Amino acid sequence: MRQTGLKDIATKITDGLLQTATDTVLFTLFLTLCGFGKSRTSVGTYQMFDEATDWLHDFNYKTIKNALLQLKHKKYISYSKKPTRDIIKLTEEGKRRLLSLIPQYRKKRSWDNCIYIVTYDVPETHSHHRNFLRTFLKRLGCAMLQESVWITPYNPRRAIHEFCTDYDLSGLVIVSDMGKDAVIGDVDIKSLIQSLYKLDSLNDRYAKFIQIHGSIKRPHPTLATSYLSILRDDPQLPYALLPNNWLGEKAHTIFHKFYGSLYYL
């Protein structure tokens, strides 16, 4: 099977969370371990395939076998032979790789009660750097207010200063701040933040997740991928800026019940 085909399958299976068969199988191993208990770090090869059959049905046996070989080659997993079965174990390297792939829920969200406005005027001669800057601002969790004007509740000054130094943009990017009770036009900051970050739409996705998975008794991979695909898009804003009916915490509780060991790898 071609790599593009495998990427499409991995993206489909994991709700866009992962893009390779190797990472998908690594993630599947972790989910299987959770299904057998929080303290487990290894599982029988047969048990893994048996648990994952329905979820990985779009991958053929050869693809999964090659993915396991790749994981072993990269030292993400290790094999050991027992009298009655082969055992697959998630290594420390594998745990680090897994954590690098999956969005993390931030329980603590310290906030200085300020809103930061980032403005820039990068000339056309630096258009590539301007595009890099936009991508960088998105990674920082900023939302675009209008062309060349971005907003965030988290202080970006240090990160932006370092970026501007590296890309020779010093003096072209300005960071200013305002209090949480400020208004822009006729809109208060909290309402503006909720609109720019599309929190209503995100909350609808959490509501649907809770409706589907809220009463299940046994973990299933689709629960994990559904939640994590929403968390990936969640800016995890300070609690004071979230809507009163915010469902992110409730959704996290459902996920944590079955897959909380992810945070203790």
C-alpha atoms as a PDB file:
ATOM      1  CA  MET A   1       0.000   0.000   0.000  1.00  0.00           C
ATOM      2  CA  ARG A   2       1.319   3.444  -0.923  1.00  0.00           C
ATOM      3  CA  GLN A   3       2.336   5.885   1.806  1.00  0.00           C
ATOM      4  CA  THR A   4      -0.352   8.379   0.760  1.00  0.00           C
ATOM      5  CA  GLY A   5      -2.964   5.671   1.201  1.00  0.00           C
ATOM      6  CA  LEU A   6      -1.635   4.752   4.644  1.00  0.00           C
ATOM      7  CA  LYS A   7      -1.647   8.414   5.652  1.00  0.00           C
ATOM      8  CA  ASP A   8      -5.288   8.760   4.600  1.00  0.00           C
ATOM      9  CA  ILE A   9      -6.244   5.669   6.599  1.00  0.00           C
ATOM     10  CA  ALA A  10      -4.327   6.815   9.690  1.00  0.00           C
ATOM     11  CA  THR A  11      -5.950  10.244   9.484  1.00  0.00           C
ATOM     12  CA  LYS A  12      -9.405   8.695   9.087  1.00  0.00           C
ATOM     13  CA  ILE A  13      -9.002   6.223  11.950  1.00  0.00           C
ATOM     14  CA  THR A  14      -7.659   8.798  14.405  1.00  0.00           C
ATOM     15  CA  ASP A  15      -9.883  11.762  13.476  1.00  0.00           C
ATOM     16  CA  GLY A  16      -6.876  13.566  12.011  1.00  0.00           C
ATOM     17  CA  LEU A  17      -4.814  13.088  15.160  1.00  0.00           C
ATOM     18  CA  LEU A  18      -2.114  10.909  13.563  1.00  0.00           C
ATOM     19  CA  GLN A  19      -0.815  10.587  10.018  1.00  0.00           C
ATOM     20  CA  THR A  20       1.290   7.434   9.858  1.00  0.00           C
ATOM     21  CA  ALA A  21       0.580   3.747  10.335  1.00  0.00           C
ATOM     22  CA  THR A  22       3.539   3.498  12.719  1.00  0.00           C
ATOM     23  CA  ASP A  23       2.234   6.200  15.067  1.00  0.00           C
ATOM     24  CA  THR A  24      -1.296   4.777  14.830  1.00  0.00           C
ATOM     25  CA  VAL A  25      -0.111   1.328  15.909  1.00  0.00           C
ATOM     26  CA  LEU A  26       1.926   2.886  18.745  1.00  0.00           C
ATOM     27  CA  PHE A  27      -1.170   4.764  19.887  1.00  0.00           C
ATOM     28  CA  THR A  28      -3.214   1.563  19.595  1.00  0.00           C
ATOM     29  CA  LEU A  29      -0.735  -0.235  21.833  1.00  0.00           C
ATOM     30  CA  PHE A  30      -1.181   2.448  24.486  1.00  0.00           C
ATOM     31  CA  LEU A  31      -4.988   2.254  24.243  1.00  0.00           C
ATOM     32  CA  THR A  32      -4.829  -1.528  24.549  1.00  0.00           C
ATOM     33  CA  LEU A  33      -2.683  -1.246  27.670  1.00  0.00           C
ATOM     34  CA  CYS A  34      -5.245   1.116  29.193  1.00  0.00           C
ATOM     35  CA  GLY A  35      -7.943  -1.413  28.473  1.00  0.00           C
ATOM     36  CA  PHE A  36      -6.095  -3.992  30.577  1.00  0.00           C
ATOM     37  CA  GLY A  37      -5.379  -1.675  33.494  1.00  0.00           C
ATOM     38  CA  LYS A  38      -3.689   1.630  34.306  1.00  0.00           C
ATOM     39  CA  SER A  39      -0.487   0.108  35.604  1.00  0.00           C
ATOM     40  CA  ARG A  40       0.176  -2.064  32.554  1.00  0.00           C
ATOM     41  CA  THR A  41       3.160  -1.210  30.333  1.00  0.00           C
ATOM     42  CA  SER A  42       3.211  -4.433  28.291  1.00  0.00           C
ATOM     43  CA  VAL A  43       0.715  -6.687  26.569  1.00  0.00           C
ATOM     44  CA  GLY A  44       0.690  -9.946  24.639  1.00  0.00           C
ATOM     45  CA  THR A  45       0.933  -9.624  20.861  1.00  0.00           C
ATOM     46  CA  TYR A  46      -2.233 -11.676  20.383  1.00  0.00           C
ATOM     47  CA  GLN A  47      -4.131  -9.578  22.946  1.00  0.00           C
ATOM     48  CA  MET A  48      -3.166  -6.378  21.165  1.00  0.00           C
ATOM     49  CA  PHE A  49      -4.299  -7.624  17.756  1.00  0.00           C
ATOM     50  CA  ASP A  50      -7.483  -9.071  19.243  1.00  0.00           C
ATOM     51  CA  GLU A  51      -8.400  -5.794  20.950  1.00  0.00           C
ATOM     52  CA  ALA A  52      -7.525  -3.659  17.934  1.00  0.00           C
ATOM     53  CA  THR A  53      -9.067  -5.772  15.170  1.00  0.00           C
ATOM     54  CA  ASP A  54     -12.178  -3.654  14.640  1.00  0.00           C
ATOM     55  CA  TRP A  55     -10.399  -0.328  14.901  1.00  0.00           C
ATOM     56  CA  LEU A  56      -7.486  -1.193  12.601  1.00  0.00           C
ATOM     57  CA  HIS A  57      -9.497  -3.133  10.044  1.00  0.00           C
ATOM     58  CA  ASP A  58      -8.524  -0.710   7.251  1.00  0.00           C
ATOM     59  CA  PHE A  59      -4.867  -1.683   7.717  1.00  0.00           C
ATOM     60  CA  ASN A  60      -3.880  -5.116   6.454  1.00  0.00           C
ATOM     61  CA  TYR A  61      -1.796  -7.536   8.491  1.00  0.00           C
ATOM     62  CA  LYS A  62       1.403  -6.744   6.571  1.00  0.00           C
ATOM     63  CA  THR A  63       1.050  -3.012   7.266  1.00  0.00           C
ATOM     64  CA  ILE A  64       0.592  -3.563  10.984  1.00  0.00           C
ATOM     65  CA  LYS A  65       3.490  -6.026  11.109  1.00  0.00           C
ATOM     66  CA  ASN A  66       5.763  -3.540   9.299  1.00  0.00           C
ATOM     67  CA  ALA A  67       4.651  -0.805  11.682  1.00  0.00           C
ATOM     68  CA  LEU A  68       5.597  -2.963  14.670  1.00  0.00           C
ATOM     69  CA  LEU A  69       9.005  -3.634  13.112  1.00  0.00           C
ATOM     70  CA  GLN A  70       9.501   0.108  12.629  1.00  0.00           C
ATOM     71  CA  LEU A  71       8.517   0.769  16.244  1.00  0.00           C
ATOM     72  CA  LYS A  72      11.017  -1.822  17.426  1.00  0.00           C
ATOM     73  CA  HIS A  73      13.732  -0.394  15.153  1.00  0.00           C
ATOM     74  CA  LYS A  74      13.151   3.081  16.607  1.00  0.00           C
ATOM     75  CA  LYS A  75      13.193   1.550  20.107  1.00  0.00           C
ATOM     76  CA  TYR A  76       9.646   2.707  20.850  1.00  0.00           C
ATOM     77  CA  ILE A  77       8.679  -0.855  21.779  1.00  0.00           C
ATOM     78  CA  SER A  78      10.524  -3.983  22.824  1.00  0.00           C
ATOM     79  CA  TYR A  79       9.721  -7.666  22.503  1.00  0.00           C
ATOM     80  CA  SER A  80      10.241 -10.422  25.027  1.00  0.00           C
ATOM     81  CA  LYS A  81       9.351 -14.072  24.731  1.00  0.00           C
ATOM     82  CA  LYS A  82       7.402 -15.918  27.384  1.00  0.00           C
ATOM     83  CA  PRO A  83       6.684 -19.652  27.456  1.00  0.00           C
ATOM     84  CA  THR A  84       3.174 -19.187  26.083  1.00  0.00           C
ATOM     85  CA  ARG A  85       3.318 -15.880  24.181  1.00  0.00           C
ATOM     86  CA  ASP A  86       5.330 -12.943  22.898  1.00  0.00           C
ATOM     87  CA  ILE A  87       5.105  -9.727  24.893  1.00  0.00           C
ATOM     88  CA  ILE A  88       5.205  -6.187  23.494  1.00  0.00           C
ATOM     89  CA  LYS A  89       6.380  -3.483  25.882  1.00  0.00           C
ATOM     90  CA  LEU A  90       6.159   0.286  25.523  1.00  0.00           C
ATOM     91  CA  THR A  91       9.650   1.715  26.148  1.00  0.00           C
ATOM     92  CA  GLU A  92      10.588   5.078  27.638  1.00  0.00           C
ATOM     93  CA  GLU A  93      11.395   6.320  24.125  1.00  0.00           C
ATOM     94  CA  GLY A  94       7.980   5.115  23.008  1.00  0.00           C
ATOM     95  CA  LYS A  95       6.303   6.964  25.858  1.00  0.00           C
ATOM     96  CA  ARG A  96       8.064  10.191  24.909  1.00  0.00           C
ATOM     97  CA  ARG A  97       7.064   9.746  21.282  1.00  0.00           C
ATOM     98  CA  LEU A  98       3.459   9.159  22.299  1.00  0.00           C
ATOM     99  CA  LEU A  99       3.375  12.276  24.456  1.00  0.00           C
ATOM    100  CA  SER A 100       4.792  14.338  21.589  1.00  0.00           C
ATOM    101  CA  LEU A 101       1.926  13.240  19.335  1.00  0.00           C
ATOM    102  CA  ILE A 102      -1.003  13.817  21.658  1.00  0.00           C
ATOM    103  CA  PRO A 103      -2.372  17.155  22.904  1.00  0.00           C
ATOM    104  CA  GLN A 104      -2.120  17.591  26.661  1.00  0.00           C
ATOM    105  CA  TYR A 105      -4.895  18.865  28.893  1.00  0.00           C
ATOM    106  CA  ARG A 106      -3.802  21.816  31.022  1.00  0.00           C
ATOM    107  CA  LYS A 107      -5.524  21.662  34.392  1.00  0.00           C
ATOM    108  CA  LYS A 108      -3.711  24.723  35.727  1.00  0.00           C
ATOM    109  CA  ARG A 109      -4.047  27.862  33.608  1.00  0.00           C
ATOM    110  CA  SER A 110      -2.405  30.772  35.343  1.00  0.00           C
ATOM    111  CA  TRP A 111      -3.455  34.166  33.992  1.00  0.00           C
ATOM    112  CA  ASP A 112      -2.346  37.708  34.758  1.00  0.00           C
ATOM    113  CA  ASN A 113      -5.794  39.166  33.896  1.00  0.00           C
ATOM    114  CA  CYS A 114      -4.422  40.900  30.809  1.00  0.00           C
ATOM    115  CA  ILE A 115      -5.257  40.584  27.145  1.00  0.00           C
ATOM    116  CA  TYR A 116      -2.358  40.972  24.722  1.00  0.00           C
ATOM    117  CA  ILE A 117      -2.587  42.527  21.277  1.00  0.00           C
ATOM    118  CA  VAL A 118       0.094  41.663  18.727  1.00  0.00           C
ATOM    119  CA  THR A 119       0.451  43.972  15.723  1.00  0.00           C
ATOM    120  CA  TYR A 120       3.051  43.869  12.995  1.00  0.00           C
ATOM    121  CA  ASP A 121       4.062  45.696   9.851  1.00  0.00           C
ATOM    122  CA  VAL A 122       6.389  43.383   7.960  1.00  0.00           C
ATOM    123  CA  PRO A 123       7.418  44.688   4.504  1.00  0.00           C
ATOM    124  CA  GLU A 124       6.800  42.705   1.334  1.00  0.00           C
ATOM    125  CA  THR A 125      10.513  42.044   1.037  1.00  0.00           C
ATOM    126  CA  HIS A 126      10.164  39.870   4.164  1.00  0.00           C
ATOM    127  CA  SER A 127       6.984  38.079   3.035  1.00  0.00           C
ATOM    128  CA  HIS A 128       8.362  34.634   3.907  1.00  0.00           C
ATOM    129  CA  HIS A 129       9.171  35.790   7.431  1.00  0.00           C
ATOM    130  CA  ARG A 130       5.700  37.321   7.693  1.00  0.00           C
ATOM    131  CA  ASN A 131       4.150  33.955   6.843  1.00  0.00           C
ATOM    132  CA  PHE A 132       6.395  32.279   9.410  1.00  0.00           C
ATOM    133  CA  LEU A 133       5.227  34.853  11.959  1.00  0.00           C
ATOM    134  CA  ARG A 134       1.553  34.096  11.297  1.00  0.00           C
ATOM    135  CA  THR A 135       2.181  30.386  11.721  1.00  0.00           C
ATOM    136  CA  PHE A 136       4.142  31.085  14.905  1.00  0.00           C
ATOM    137  CA  LEU A 137       1.312  33.198  16.347  1.00  0.00           C
ATOM    138  CA  LYS A 138      -1.151  30.377  15.698  1.00  0.00           C
ATOM    139  CA  ARG A 139       1.136  27.962  17.512  1.00  0.00           C
ATOM    140  CA  LEU A 140       1.271  30.357  20.448  1.00  0.00           C
ATOM    141  CA  GLY A 141      -2.528  30.184  20.629  1.00  0.00           C
ATOM    142  CA  CYS A 142      -3.207  33.668  19.261  1.00  0.00           C
ATOM    143  CA  ALA A 143      -6.403  34.427  17.341  1.00  0.00           C
ATOM    144  CA  MET A 144      -6.544  36.847  14.433  1.00  0.00           C
ATOM    145  CA  LEU A 145      -8.563  39.968  15.149  1.00  0.00           C
ATOM    146  CA  GLN A 146      -7.934  41.434  11.713  1.00  0.00           C
ATOM    147  CA  GLU A 147      -5.103  41.498   9.173  1.00  0.00           C
ATOM    148  CA  SER A 148      -1.797  41.976  11.030  1.00  0.00           C
ATOM    149  CA  VAL A 149      -3.587  42.190  14.417  1.00  0.00           C
ATOM    150  CA  TRP A 150      -3.739  39.169  16.734  1.00  0.00           C
ATOM    151  CA  ILE A 151      -4.994  38.666  20.269  1.00  0.00           C
ATOM    152  CA  THR A 152      -4.209  36.276  23.131  1.00  0.00           C
ATOM    153  CA  PRO A 153      -4.823  36.094  26.903  1.00  0.00           C
ATOM    154  CA  TYR A 154      -1.370  34.587  27.488  1.00  0.00           C
ATOM    155  CA  ASN A 155       1.701  36.795  27.630  1.00  0.00           C
ATOM    156  CA  PRO A 156       3.624  36.211  24.363  1.00  0.00           C
ATOM    157  CA  ARG A 157       6.322  38.842  24.822  1.00  0.00           C
ATOM    158  CA  ARG A 158       9.297  36.579  25.499  1.00  0.00           C
ATOM    159  CA  ALA A 159       8.455  34.104  22.733  1.00  0.00           C
ATOM    160  CA  ILE A 160       7.834  36.862  20.196  1.00  0.00           C
ATOM    161  CA  HIS A 161      11.044  38.666  21.171  1.00  0.00           C
ATOM    162  CA  GLU A 162      13.039  35.482  20.556  1.00  0.00           C
ATOM    163  CA  PHE A 163      11.246  34.880  17.250  1.00  0.00           C
ATOM    164  CA  CYS A 164      11.905  38.432  16.046  1.00  0.00           C
ATOM    165  CA  THR A 165      15.572  38.147  16.985  1.00  0.00           C
ATOM    166  CA  ASP A 166      15.945  34.878  15.079  1.00  0.00           C
ATOM    167  CA  TYR A 167      14.157  36.171  11.966  1.00  0.00           C
ATOM    168  CA  ASP A 168      15.521  39.732  11.980  1.00  0.00           C
ATOM    169  CA  LEU A 169      12.103  41.303  12.627  1.00  0.00           C
ATOM    170  CA  SER A 170      13.036  43.441  15.619  1.00  0.00           C
ATOM    171  CA  GLY A 171      11.001  46.665  15.722  1.00  0.00           C
ATOM    172  CA  LEU A 172       8.414  45.332  13.276  1.00  0.00           C
ATOM    173  CA  VAL A 173       6.236  43.498  15.822  1.00  0.00           C
ATOM    174  CA  ILE A 174       4.564  45.270  18.746  1.00  0.00           C
ATOM    175  CA  VAL A 175       2.959  43.632  21.779  1.00  0.00           C
ATOM    176  CA  SER A 176       0.599  45.743  23.894  1.00  0.00           C
ATOM    177  CA  ASP A 177      -1.757  44.765  26.677  1.00  0.00           C
ATOM    178  CA  MET A 178      -5.099  45.783  28.166  1.00  0.00           C
ATOM    179  CA  GLY A 179      -7.128  44.766  31.204  1.00  0.00           C
ATOM    180  CA  LYS A 180      -9.745  42.028  31.166  1.00  0.00           C
ATOM    181  CA  ASP A 181     -12.560  44.613  31.476  1.00  0.00           C
ATOM    182  CA  ALA A 182     -11.553  46.552  28.360  1.00  0.00           C
ATOM    183  CA  VAL A 183     -13.739  46.788  25.279  1.00  0.00           C
ATOM    184  CA  ILE A 184     -12.876  46.858  21.586  1.00  0.00           C
ATOM    185  CA  GLY A 185     -15.526  48.764  19.679  1.00  0.00           C
ATOM    186  CA  ASP A 186     -18.846  47.828  21.253  1.00  0.00           C
ATOM    187  CA  VAL A 187     -17.752  44.346  22.321  1.00  0.00           C
ATOM    188  CA  ASP A 188     -16.388  43.403  25.737  1.00  0.00           C
ATOM    189  CA  ILE A 189     -13.192  41.385  25.817  1.00  0.00           C
ATOM    190  CA  LYS A 190     -14.748  38.134  27.065  1.00  0.00           C
ATOM    191  CA  SER A 191     -17.385  38.099  24.311  1.00  0.00           C
ATOM    192  CA  LEU A 192     -14.751  38.989  21.713  1.00  0.00           C
ATOM    193  CA  ILE A 193     -12.435  36.199  22.871  1.00  0.00           C
ATOM    194  CA  GLN A 194     -15.254  33.655  22.768  1.00  0.00           C
ATOM    195  CA  SER A 195     -16.148  34.728  19.234  1.00  0.00           C
ATOM    196  CA  LEU A 196     -12.594  34.820  17.846  1.00  0.00           C
ATOM    197  CA  TYR A 197     -11.738  31.398  19.266  1.00  0.00           C
ATOM    198  CA  LYS A 198     -15.100  29.944  18.109  1.00  0.00           C
ATOM    199  CA  LEU A 199     -15.824  28.567  21.577  1.00  0.00           C
ATOM    200  CA  ASP A 200     -19.533  27.955  20.869  1.00  0.00           C
ATOM    201  CA  SER A 201     -18.660  25.573  18.047  1.00  0.00           C
ATOM    202  CA  LEU A 202     -16.026  23.877  20.170  1.00  0.00           C
ATOM    203  CA  ASN A 203     -18.505  23.501  23.037  1.00  0.00           C
ATOM    204  CA  ASP A 204     -20.985  21.858  20.653  1.00  0.00           C
ATOM    205  CA  ARG A 205     -18.325  19.270  19.795  1.00  0.00           C
ATOM    206  CA  TYR A 206     -17.740  18.589  23.501  1.00  0.00           C
ATOM    207  CA  ALA A 207     -21.505  18.224  23.995  1.00  0.00           C
ATOM    208  CA  LYS A 208     -21.724  15.658  21.189  1.00  0.00           C
ATOM    209  CA  PHE A 209     -18.758  13.754  22.646  1.00  0.00           C
ATOM    210  CA  ILE A 210     -20.450  13.628  26.057  1.00  0.00           C
ATOM    211  CA  GLN A 211     -23.726  12.483  24.520  1.00  0.00           C
ATOM    212  CA  ILE A 212     -22.021   9.602  22.685  1.00  0.00           C
ATOM    213  CA  HIS A 213     -19.449   8.510  25.255  1.00  0.00           C
ATOM    214  CA  GLY A 214     -20.745   9.773  28.580  1.00  0.00           C
ATOM    215  CA  SER A 215     -22.357   6.513  29.706  1.00  0.00           C
ATOM    216  CA  ILE A 216     -20.032   3.865  28.294  1.00  0.00           C
ATOM    217  CA  LYS A 217     -18.661   1.246  30.664  1.00  0.00           C
ATOM    218  CA  ARG A 218     -15.599   0.077  28.739  1.00  0.00           C
ATOM    219  CA  PRO A 219     -12.884   2.088  26.948  1.00  0.00           C
ATOM    220  CA  HIS A 220     -12.808   2.161  23.153  1.00  0.00           C
ATOM    221  CA  PRO A 221     -10.281   3.805  20.805  1.00  0.00           C
ATOM    222  CA  THR A 222     -12.936   6.052  19.255  1.00  0.00           C
ATOM    223  CA  LEU A 223     -13.523   7.648  22.668  1.00  0.00           C
ATOM    224  CA  ALA A 224      -9.847   8.587  22.876  1.00  0.00           C
ATOM    225  CA  THR A 225      -9.486   9.859  19.320  1.00  0.00           C
ATOM    226  CA  SER A 226     -12.774  11.775  19.443  1.00  0.00           C
ATOM    227  CA  TYR A 227     -11.788  13.593  22.628  1.00  0.00           C
ATOM    228  CA  LEU A 228      -8.188  14.267  21.652  1.00  0.00           C
ATOM    229  CA  SER A 229      -9.188  15.627  18.238  1.00  0.00           C
ATOM    230  CA  ILE A 230     -11.351  18.211  20.045  1.00  0.00           C
ATOM    231  CA  LEU A 231      -8.655  18.959  22.623  1.00  0.00           C
ATOM    232  CA  ARG A 232      -6.190  19.555  19.784  1.00  0.00           C
ATOM    233  CA  ASP A 233      -8.405  22.435  18.590  1.00  0.00           C
ATOM    234  CA  ASP A 234      -9.122  23.763  22.097  1.00  0.00           C
ATOM    235  CA  PRO A 235      -6.978  26.844  22.904  1.00  0.00           C
ATOM    236  CA  GLN A 236      -7.444  26.006  26.611  1.00  0.00           C
ATOM    237  CA  LEU A 237      -8.096  29.587  27.587  1.00  0.00           C
ATOM    238  CA  PRO A 238      -8.114  30.830  31.188  1.00  0.00           C
ATOM    239  CA  TYR A 239     -11.223  29.584  32.984  1.00  0.00           C
ATOM    240  CA  ALA A 240     -12.438  33.145  33.613  1.00  0.00           C
ATOM    241  CA  LEU A 241     -12.793  33.686  29.859  1.00  0.00           C
ATOM    242  CA  LEU A 242     -14.777  30.523  29.129  1.00  0.00           C
ATOM    243  CA  PRO A 243     -18.578  30.459  28.658  1.00  0.00           C
ATOM    244  CA  ASN A 244     -20.622  29.657  31.759  1.00  0.00           C
ATOM    245  CA  ASN A 245     -21.869  26.424  30.187  1.00  0.00           C
ATOM    246  CA  TRP A 246     -18.397  25.234  29.117  1.00  0.00           C
ATOM    247  CA  LEU A 247     -18.242  21.420  28.808  1.00  0.00           C
ATOM    248  CA  GLY A 248     -14.508  20.914  28.361  1.00  0.00           C
ATOM    249  CA  GLU A 249     -13.969  19.833  31.962  1.00  0.00           C
ATOM    250  CA  LYS A 250     -16.803  17.292  31.870  1.00  0.00           C
ATOM    251  CA  ALA A 251     -15.517  15.827  28.609  1.00  0.00           C
ATOM    252  CA  HIS A 252     -12.021  15.563  30.073  1.00  0.00           C
ATOM    253  CA  THR A 253     -13.377  13.699  33.094  1.00  0.00           C
ATOM    254  CA  ILE A 254     -14.875  11.052  30.793  1.00  0.00           C
ATOM    255  CA  PHE A 255     -11.613  10.678  28.886  1.00  0.00           C
ATOM    256  CA  HIS A 256      -9.512  10.641  32.060  1.00  0.00           C
ATOM    257  CA  LYS A 257     -11.611   7.860  33.572  1.00  0.00           C
ATOM    258  CA  PHE A 258     -10.336   5.411  30.959  1.00  0.00           C
ATOM    259  CA  TYR A 259      -7.156   6.971  29.612  1.00  0.00           C
ATOM    260  CA  GLY A 260      -5.849   9.082  32.465  1.00  0.00           C
ATOM    261  CA  SER A 261      -2.682   6.981  32.584  1.00  0.00           C
ATOM    262  CA  LEU A 262      -1.571   8.896  29.496  1.00  0.00           C
ATOM    263  CA  TYR A 263      -0.577  11.706  31.854  1.00  0.00           C
ATOM    264  CA  TYR A 264       1.550   9.413  33.993  1.00  0.00           C
ATOM    265  CA  LEU A 265       3.639   7.773  31.285  1.00  0.00           C
END
